[in-house]
Amino acid sequence: MEYSTFGRHVAVDTWGVDFEVLNNAELLQAHLVEAAESCGATVLSVQSKQFEPQGATVLVLLSESHLSIHTYPERGFAAIDCYTCGETVDPQLAIDYLVSVLKPEKVYAKKIIRGMGELEVVTPDMNQVEFV
């Protein structure tokens, strides 16, 4: 069996996020797992680390690749990225979910199309998810 090498990698810097949210690895872990599931990804495992005096890192290993966040609560900053292989899971949906949860004041994002030869970098449309 031969698999497609096509993949999408969305990288996002968020600024102006609440300190308490960014400094809670357990809460962030729950949000990342929900984000992964919301885009149809298969969660294989989760690792998280709460740093002292502040900050957190959460990595969600996906069957399709990964979703991660690294936070700097004292700066209101979080670096998020999601890479998925194939065409069945759209990483942008996971990113949109997380941005909706984090409610940053500013968002800077790029999407890289991978596995097709020359890397293609585009600015994705950011669509915040509305919760009902």
Protein backbone atom coordinates (compact mmCIF):
# COMPACT_ATOMS: atom_id res chain seq x y z
CA MET A 1 0.00 0.00 0.00
CA GLU A 2 1.28 3.45 -0.87
CA TYR A 3 0.27 6.52 1.15
CA SER A 4 0.10 10.14 0.03
CA THR A 5 2.86 12.40 1.35
CA PHE A 6 0.50 15.42 1.25
CA GLY A 7 0.23 17.28 4.54
CA ARG A 8 -0.86 20.60 6.01
CA HIS A 9 0.98 22.31 8.86
CA VAL A 10 -0.67 25.30 10.53
CA ALA A 11 1.49 27.40 12.89
CA VAL A 12 -0.10 30.13 15.00
CA ASP A 13 1.20 32.74 17.43
CA THR A 14 -1.47 34.10 19.78
CA TRP A 15 -1.03 37.19 21.94
CA GLY A 16 -3.19 38.67 24.68
CA VAL A 17 -4.42 35.39 26.17
CA ASP A 18 -5.48 35.21 29.83
CA PHE A 19 -2.63 34.26 32.20
CA GLU A 20 -4.69 31.68 34.11
CA VAL A 21 -5.64 29.81 30.93
CA LEU A 22 -2.06 29.72 29.64
CA ASN A 23 -0.73 28.61 33.01
CA ASN A 24 -2.97 25.53 33.33
CA ALA A 25 -1.48 22.47 31.60
CA GLU A 26 -4.42 20.29 32.63
CA LEU A 27 -6.98 22.67 31.10
CA LEU A 28 -4.89 23.11 27.95
CA GLN A 29 -4.55 19.35 27.60
CA ALA A 30 -8.35 18.94 27.69
CA HIS A 31 -8.76 21.70 25.09
CA LEU A 32 -6.14 20.20 22.75
CA VAL A 33 -7.73 16.76 22.90
CA GLU A 34 -11.13 18.33 22.13
CA ALA A 35 -9.58 20.30 19.27
CA ALA A 36 -8.03 17.15 17.81
CA GLU A 37 -11.30 15.26 18.07
CA SER A 38 -13.22 18.20 16.56
CA CYS A 39 -11.22 17.92 13.34
CA GLY A 40 -11.61 14.15 13.14
CA ALA A 41 -8.05 13.28 14.17
CA THR A 42 -7.17 10.11 16.08
CA VAL A 43 -5.46 10.81 19.43
CA LEU A 44 -2.73 8.27 20.21
CA SER A 45 -1.22 9.82 23.34
CA VAL A 46 -0.86 13.07 25.27
CA GLN A 47 2.11 14.55 27.12
CA SER A 48 2.00 17.73 29.16
CA LYS A 49 4.35 19.67 31.38
CA GLN A 50 3.51 22.46 33.82
CA PHE A 51 6.55 24.68 34.30
CA GLU A 52 7.51 26.70 37.38
CA PRO A 53 7.04 29.52 38.01
CA GLN A 54 4.71 29.55 34.98
CA GLY A 55 4.16 28.15 31.50
CA ALA A 56 3.02 24.91 29.98
CA THR A 57 3.67 22.61 27.04
CA VAL A 58 1.16 20.09 25.74
CA LEU A 59 1.81 17.65 22.89
CA VAL A 60 -0.97 15.51 21.42
CA LEU A 61 0.37 12.69 19.27
CA LEU A 62 -2.08 11.97 16.47
CA SER A 63 -2.28 9.04 14.12
CA GLU A 64 -2.16 11.78 11.46
CA SER A 65 0.82 13.60 13.13
CA HIS A 66 0.61 16.12 16.03
CA LEU A 67 -0.99 19.10 17.76
CA SER A 68 0.97 21.18 20.27
CA ILE A 69 0.97 24.33 22.39
CA HIS A 70 3.79 26.11 24.24
CA THR A 71 2.78 28.95 26.57
CA TYR A 72 4.37 32.00 28.13
CA PRO A 73 1.61 33.24 30.46
CA GLU A 74 3.64 36.21 31.69
CA ARG A 75 3.63 37.50 28.10
CA GLY A 76 0.07 36.41 27.23
CA PHE A 77 1.63 34.33 24.43
CA ALA A 78 0.98 30.85 23.10
CA ALA A 79 2.62 29.13 20.12
CA ILE A 80 0.32 26.51 18.61
CA ASP A 81 0.92 24.14 15.76
CA CYS A 82 -0.92 21.31 14.09
CA TYR A 83 0.44 19.09 11.34
CA THR A 84 -1.66 16.42 9.68
CA CYS A 85 -0.81 14.03 6.88
CA GLY A 86 -3.30 13.13 4.19
CA GLU A 87 -6.49 14.85 3.15
CA THR A 88 -9.04 13.46 5.61
CA VAL A 89 -8.14 15.62 8.64
CA ASP A 90 -7.95 19.42 8.31
CA PRO A 91 -5.59 20.91 10.92
CA GLN A 92 -7.20 24.33 10.44
CA LEU A 93 -10.33 23.06 12.22
CA ALA A 94 -8.29 22.19 15.32
CA ILE A 95 -6.56 25.58 15.22
CA ASP A 96 -9.88 27.41 14.83
CA TYR A 97 -11.24 25.54 17.84
CA LEU A 98 -8.24 26.48 20.01
CA VAL A 99 -8.30 30.13 18.98
CA SER A 100 -11.99 30.24 19.92
CA VAL A 101 -11.20 28.80 23.35
CA LEU A 102 -8.13 30.97 24.04
CA LYS A 103 -9.74 34.22 22.86
CA PRO A 104 -6.48 36.02 22.02
CA GLU A 105 -6.31 39.72 21.24
CA LYS A 106 -4.01 39.06 18.25
CA VAL A 107 -3.42 36.02 16.04
CA TYR A 108 -0.68 35.49 13.46
CA ALA A 109 -0.91 32.33 11.37
CA LYS A 110 0.72 30.55 8.43
CA LYS A 111 -0.16 27.30 6.74
CA ILE A 112 2.51 25.22 5.03
CA ILE A 113 1.55 22.71 2.36
CA ARG A 114 4.03 19.84 2.71
CA GLY A 115 4.90 16.61 0.96
CA MET A 116 4.24 17.86 -2.58
CA GLY A 117 7.73 19.11 -3.48
CA GLU A 118 8.51 22.77 -2.83
CA LEU A 119 6.95 23.94 0.44
CA GLU A 120 4.02 26.28 -0.13
CA VAL A 121 3.35 28.88 2.58
CA VAL A 122 -0.03 30.62 2.72
CA THR A 123 -1.93 32.78 5.21
CA PRO A 124 -4.97 30.77 6.30
CA ASP A 125 -8.44 32.15 6.91
CA MET A 126 -9.00 32.12 10.66
CA ASN A 127 -12.58 31.14 11.50
CA GLN A 128 -13.40 31.16 15.18
CA VAL A 129 -15.71 28.36 16.21
CA GLU A 130 -18.95 29.45 17.83
CA PHE A 131 -20.01 27.41 20.83
CA VAL A 132 -23.71 26.72 21.35
